[in-house]
Amino acid sequence: MIIQSLDVNLPEVLPMHPASAFLETDEGRLRNLIAERSFGLIMAQGPNGPVCAHAPVLLEQSILRFHLSSANGLNAALALDPRALCVVTGPDAYISPDWYGIPDQVPTWNYISAEISGTVRAISPEQATLMLDDLSAMFEERLSPKPVWTRAKMDPARFDTMVRQGIIAYEMDVTSLTGISKLSQNKPGEAIEGVRTALSQSDDAQARALGLMMVQAPKPQS
């Protein structure tokens, strides 16, 4: 288990949402979200302030792998300070107060996220090649029955040049894996059911996905 017990008095390990009811403590659900999305926002502290970039990610045990364009400004920030945070987001949706069926409520937003933090290091072009193989294999499998793309379809010299000059690949030694599942757990059961029903009937795919997650989520303790 690499989930850290959070102490709000430690500024380096603050949860994204301060309400403990929304803190996701199931490592399996967090890993499933990261594997399903495999795309995150990488953030680090640069000399002039925070720097971030979107990147495909692979989490295996306690190692997160990702790569950036060699021209990306986040590379310079990571060279100065290798501490980084990656946020992977799942579905999100607006929640109307009307859905609760109780008075004096305000609008809010429900969402799912995973937060991965640790120290990163650049890896070799050979390791970067293996990472790209793993990434493409995973995403190409999702496109079945399309025949899979592999780098065997490319000129080897061209591919090698692109890896060595076009990208910088990284591994993060993960020290904290936390997340938020904000699914109206702080509301009474009838209000939760009202939200779930409204989301499940929405025309928006993300809203329907959240409604399904509310069905599958553990029931809040009374």
Protein backbone atom coordinates (compact mmCIF):
# COMPACT_ATOMS: atom_id res chain seq x y z
CA MET A 1 0.00 0.00 0.00
CA ILE A 2 1.39 3.41 -0.90
CA ILE A 3 -1.55 5.53 0.21
CA GLN A 4 -0.37 8.00 2.79
CA SER A 5 -2.38 8.84 5.90
CA LEU A 6 -3.03 12.52 5.44
CA ASP A 7 -2.28 15.10 8.09
CA VAL A 8 -3.72 18.50 7.25
CA ASN A 9 -0.92 20.05 9.31
CA LEU A 10 1.62 18.84 6.76
CA PRO A 11 1.47 21.27 3.81
CA GLU A 12 3.25 18.89 1.44
CA VAL A 13 0.53 16.22 1.79
CA LEU A 14 -2.68 18.22 1.64
CA PRO A 15 -5.70 16.49 0.07
CA MET A 16 -7.34 18.24 -2.88
CA HIS A 17 -10.63 18.55 -0.98
CA PRO A 18 -10.69 19.36 2.77
CA ALA A 19 -13.86 17.35 3.56
CA SER A 20 -12.89 13.92 4.86
CA ALA A 21 -16.19 12.44 3.60
CA PHE A 22 -14.90 12.72 0.04
CA LEU A 23 -11.41 11.30 0.60
CA GLU A 24 -10.97 8.14 -1.48
CA THR A 25 -9.19 5.49 0.60
CA ASP A 26 -9.58 2.48 -1.72
CA GLU A 27 -6.26 2.08 -3.54
CA GLY A 28 -7.81 -0.32 -6.02
CA ARG A 29 -10.38 2.24 -7.16
CA LEU A 30 -7.66 4.87 -7.52
CA ARG A 31 -5.48 2.55 -9.58
CA ASN A 32 -8.44 1.58 -11.76
CA LEU A 33 -9.18 5.25 -12.47
CA ILE A 34 -5.55 5.93 -13.39
CA ALA A 35 -5.40 2.84 -15.63
CA GLU A 36 -8.70 3.69 -17.33
CA ARG A 37 -7.83 7.33 -17.99
CA SER A 38 -4.03 6.98 -18.36
CA PHE A 39 -3.80 10.74 -18.85
CA GLY A 40 -2.91 13.31 -16.23
CA LEU A 41 -1.80 16.83 -15.44
CA ILE A 42 1.81 16.92 -14.22
CA MET A 43 2.70 19.88 -11.99
CA ALA A 44 6.00 21.10 -10.55
CA GLN A 45 7.48 24.28 -9.13
CA GLY A 46 9.52 26.33 -11.59
CA PRO A 47 11.81 29.28 -10.82
CA ASN A 48 9.02 31.74 -11.63
CA GLY A 49 6.05 29.82 -10.30
CA PRO A 50 4.09 26.60 -10.90
CA VAL A 51 4.48 24.83 -14.25
CA CYS A 52 2.22 22.09 -15.61
CA ALA A 53 1.71 19.88 -18.65
CA HIS A 54 -0.71 17.17 -19.72
CA ALA A 55 0.77 13.76 -20.44
CA PRO A 56 -0.21 10.10 -20.85
CA VAL A 57 0.76 8.15 -17.73
CA LEU A 58 1.37 4.56 -16.69
CA LEU A 59 1.28 3.55 -13.02
CA GLU A 60 2.90 0.23 -12.11
CA GLN A 61 3.41 -0.63 -8.45
CA SER A 62 5.05 2.51 -7.03
CA ILE A 63 6.41 3.90 -10.32
CA LEU A 64 4.60 6.40 -12.55
CA ARG A 65 5.97 6.71 -16.08
CA PHE A 66 5.30 9.61 -18.44
CA HIS A 67 6.97 11.64 -21.17
CA LEU A 68 6.99 15.23 -22.38
CA SER A 69 7.96 17.00 -25.56
CA SER A 70 11.60 18.02 -25.28
CA ALA A 71 10.46 21.62 -25.84
CA ASN A 72 8.04 21.56 -22.89
CA GLY A 73 8.86 24.10 -20.18
CA LEU A 74 8.10 21.57 -17.45
CA ASN A 75 11.39 19.81 -18.23
CA ALA A 76 13.40 22.76 -16.94
CA ALA A 77 11.27 22.94 -13.79
CA LEU A 78 11.77 19.23 -13.07
CA ALA A 79 15.52 19.60 -13.59
CA LEU A 80 15.58 22.26 -10.87
CA ASP A 81 13.18 20.56 -8.46
CA PRO A 82 12.23 16.94 -9.19
CA ARG A 83 9.23 16.90 -6.84
CA ALA A 84 6.00 16.65 -8.82
CA LEU A 85 2.27 16.08 -8.54
CA CYS A 86 0.12 14.30 -11.11
CA VAL A 87 -3.67 14.67 -11.08
CA VAL A 88 -5.81 12.22 -13.04
CA THR A 89 -9.46 13.20 -13.32
CA GLY A 90 -12.49 11.04 -13.98
CA PRO A 91 -16.04 12.14 -14.78
CA ASP A 92 -17.48 15.35 -13.31
CA ALA A 93 -20.90 17.01 -13.33
CA TYR A 94 -22.80 20.03 -12.04
CA ILE A 95 -25.20 19.22 -9.20
CA SER A 96 -28.43 21.25 -9.04
CA PRO A 97 -29.82 21.97 -5.55
CA ASP A 98 -33.27 21.02 -6.89
CA TRP A 99 -32.19 17.38 -7.05
CA TYR A 100 -31.73 17.05 -3.28
CA GLY A 101 -35.39 17.51 -2.49
CA ILE A 102 -34.51 19.44 0.68
CA PRO A 103 -34.56 23.22 1.25
CA ASP A 104 -31.75 25.75 1.49
CA GLN A 105 -29.14 23.94 -0.60
CA VAL A 106 -26.59 25.44 -2.99
CA PRO A 107 -25.17 24.26 -6.32
CA THR A 108 -21.99 22.19 -6.29
CA TRP A 109 -19.90 19.93 -8.51
CA ASN A 110 -19.31 16.19 -8.11
CA TYR A 111 -16.17 14.60 -9.49
CA ILE A 112 -13.61 11.82 -9.24
CA SER A 113 -9.85 12.36 -9.11
CA ALA A 114 -6.58 10.67 -8.17
CA GLU A 115 -3.49 12.52 -6.97
CA ILE A 116 -0.03 11.01 -7.34
CA SER A 117 3.04 12.70 -5.92
CA GLY A 118 6.71 11.85 -5.68
CA THR A 119 10.16 12.56 -7.07
CA VAL A 120 10.88 12.19 -10.79
CA ARG A 121 14.00 11.32 -12.74
CA ALA A 122 14.70 11.31 -16.46
CA ILE A 123 15.16 7.86 -17.98
CA SER A 124 17.25 6.66 -20.91
CA PRO A 125 16.06 6.62 -24.53
CA GLU A 126 16.01 2.82 -24.33
CA GLN A 127 13.69 2.94 -21.32
CA ALA A 128 11.61 5.59 -23.07
CA THR A 129 11.18 3.26 -26.04
CA LEU A 130 9.85 0.51 -23.78
CA MET A 131 7.45 2.97 -22.17
CA LEU A 132 6.13 4.05 -25.58
CA ASP A 133 5.70 0.40 -26.53
CA ASP A 134 3.65 -0.20 -23.37
CA LEU A 135 1.54 2.93 -23.92
CA SER A 136 0.75 2.21 -27.54
CA ALA A 137 -0.01 -1.46 -26.81
CA MET A 138 -2.50 -0.48 -24.09
CA PHE A 139 -4.34 2.12 -26.15
CA GLU A 140 -4.24 0.16 -29.40
CA GLU A 141 -5.89 -2.78 -27.63
CA ARG A 142 -8.84 -0.52 -26.84
CA LEU A 143 -9.30 0.12 -30.57
CA SER A 144 -9.91 -3.55 -31.38
CA PRO A 145 -10.76 -4.95 -33.89
CA LYS A 146 -8.47 -2.45 -35.62
CA PRO A 147 -5.08 -4.07 -36.35
CA VAL A 148 -2.66 -2.77 -33.72
CA TRP A 149 -0.05 -0.16 -34.52
CA THR A 150 3.50 -0.93 -33.40
CA ARG A 151 6.78 0.84 -34.04
CA ALA A 152 7.64 -2.02 -36.39
CA LYS A 153 5.62 0.01 -38.91
CA MET A 154 8.17 2.84 -38.69
CA ASP A 155 11.66 3.27 -40.01
CA PRO A 156 13.86 2.31 -37.02
CA ALA A 157 16.25 5.22 -37.51
CA ARG A 158 13.38 7.69 -37.73
CA PHE A 159 11.80 6.32 -34.55
CA ASP A 160 15.13 6.42 -32.70
CA THR A 161 15.67 10.06 -33.69
CA MET A 162 12.19 11.00 -32.50
CA VAL A 163 12.75 9.34 -29.12
CA ARG A 164 16.22 10.81 -28.59
CA GLN A 165 15.46 14.33 -29.83
CA GLY A 166 11.70 14.76 -29.57
CA ILE A 167 10.84 13.68 -26.03
CA ILE A 168 12.14 13.38 -22.48
CA ALA A 169 10.74 10.44 -20.53
CA TYR A 170 10.47 10.20 -16.76
CA GLU A 171 9.81 7.84 -13.89
CA MET A 172 8.26 9.08 -10.66
CA ASP A 173 8.98 7.28 -7.41
CA VAL A 174 5.50 7.55 -5.94
CA THR A 175 5.37 8.52 -2.28
CA SER A 176 1.68 9.39 -2.05
CA LEU A 177 -1.42 8.10 -3.83
CA THR A 178 -4.64 9.76 -2.73
CA GLY A 179 -7.87 10.84 -4.33
CA ILE A 180 -11.31 12.36 -4.11
CA SER A 181 -14.64 10.71 -4.85
CA LYS A 182 -17.12 13.54 -4.35
CA LEU A 183 -20.49 11.80 -4.77
CA SER A 184 -22.78 13.73 -2.39
CA GLN A 185 -21.80 11.51 0.56
CA ASN A 186 -22.41 14.44 2.91
CA LYS A 187 -26.14 14.49 2.12
CA PRO A 188 -29.04 12.38 3.49
CA GLY A 189 -29.84 9.14 1.70
CA GLU A 190 -32.92 10.53 -0.05
CA ALA A 191 -30.93 13.49 -1.36
CA ILE A 192 -28.17 11.19 -2.63
CA GLU A 193 -30.77 9.12 -4.47
CA GLY A 194 -32.24 12.28 -6.02
CA VAL A 195 -28.83 13.28 -7.35
CA ARG A 196 -28.11 9.78 -8.61
CA THR A 197 -31.41 9.60 -10.45
CA ALA A 198 -30.93 12.99 -12.10
CA LEU A 199 -27.39 12.18 -13.20
CA SER A 200 -28.41 8.77 -14.56
CA GLN A 201 -31.07 10.40 -16.73
CA SER A 202 -28.79 13.13 -18.07
CA ASP A 203 -27.90 13.53 -21.74
CA ASP A 204 -24.29 14.08 -20.66
CA ALA A 205 -22.11 10.96 -20.68
CA GLN A 206 -19.96 12.16 -17.79
CA ALA A 207 -23.03 12.81 -15.65
CA ARG A 208 -24.36 9.31 -16.38
CA ALA A 209 -20.97 7.83 -15.48
CA LEU A 210 -21.07 9.62 -12.13
CA GLY A 211 -24.60 8.33 -11.53
CA LEU A 212 -23.35 4.78 -12.08
CA MET A 213 -20.45 5.39 -9.70
CA MET A 214 -22.92 6.55 -7.05
CA VAL A 215 -24.68 3.19 -7.33
CA GLN A 216 -21.39 1.32 -6.96
CA ALA A 217 -19.93 3.51 -4.19
CA PRO A 218 -19.99 2.34 -0.56
CA LYS A 219 -22.98 3.75 1.30
CA PRO A 220 -22.11 6.54 3.75
CA GLN A 221 -22.22 5.57 7.40
CA SER A 222 -25.18 6.97 9.33
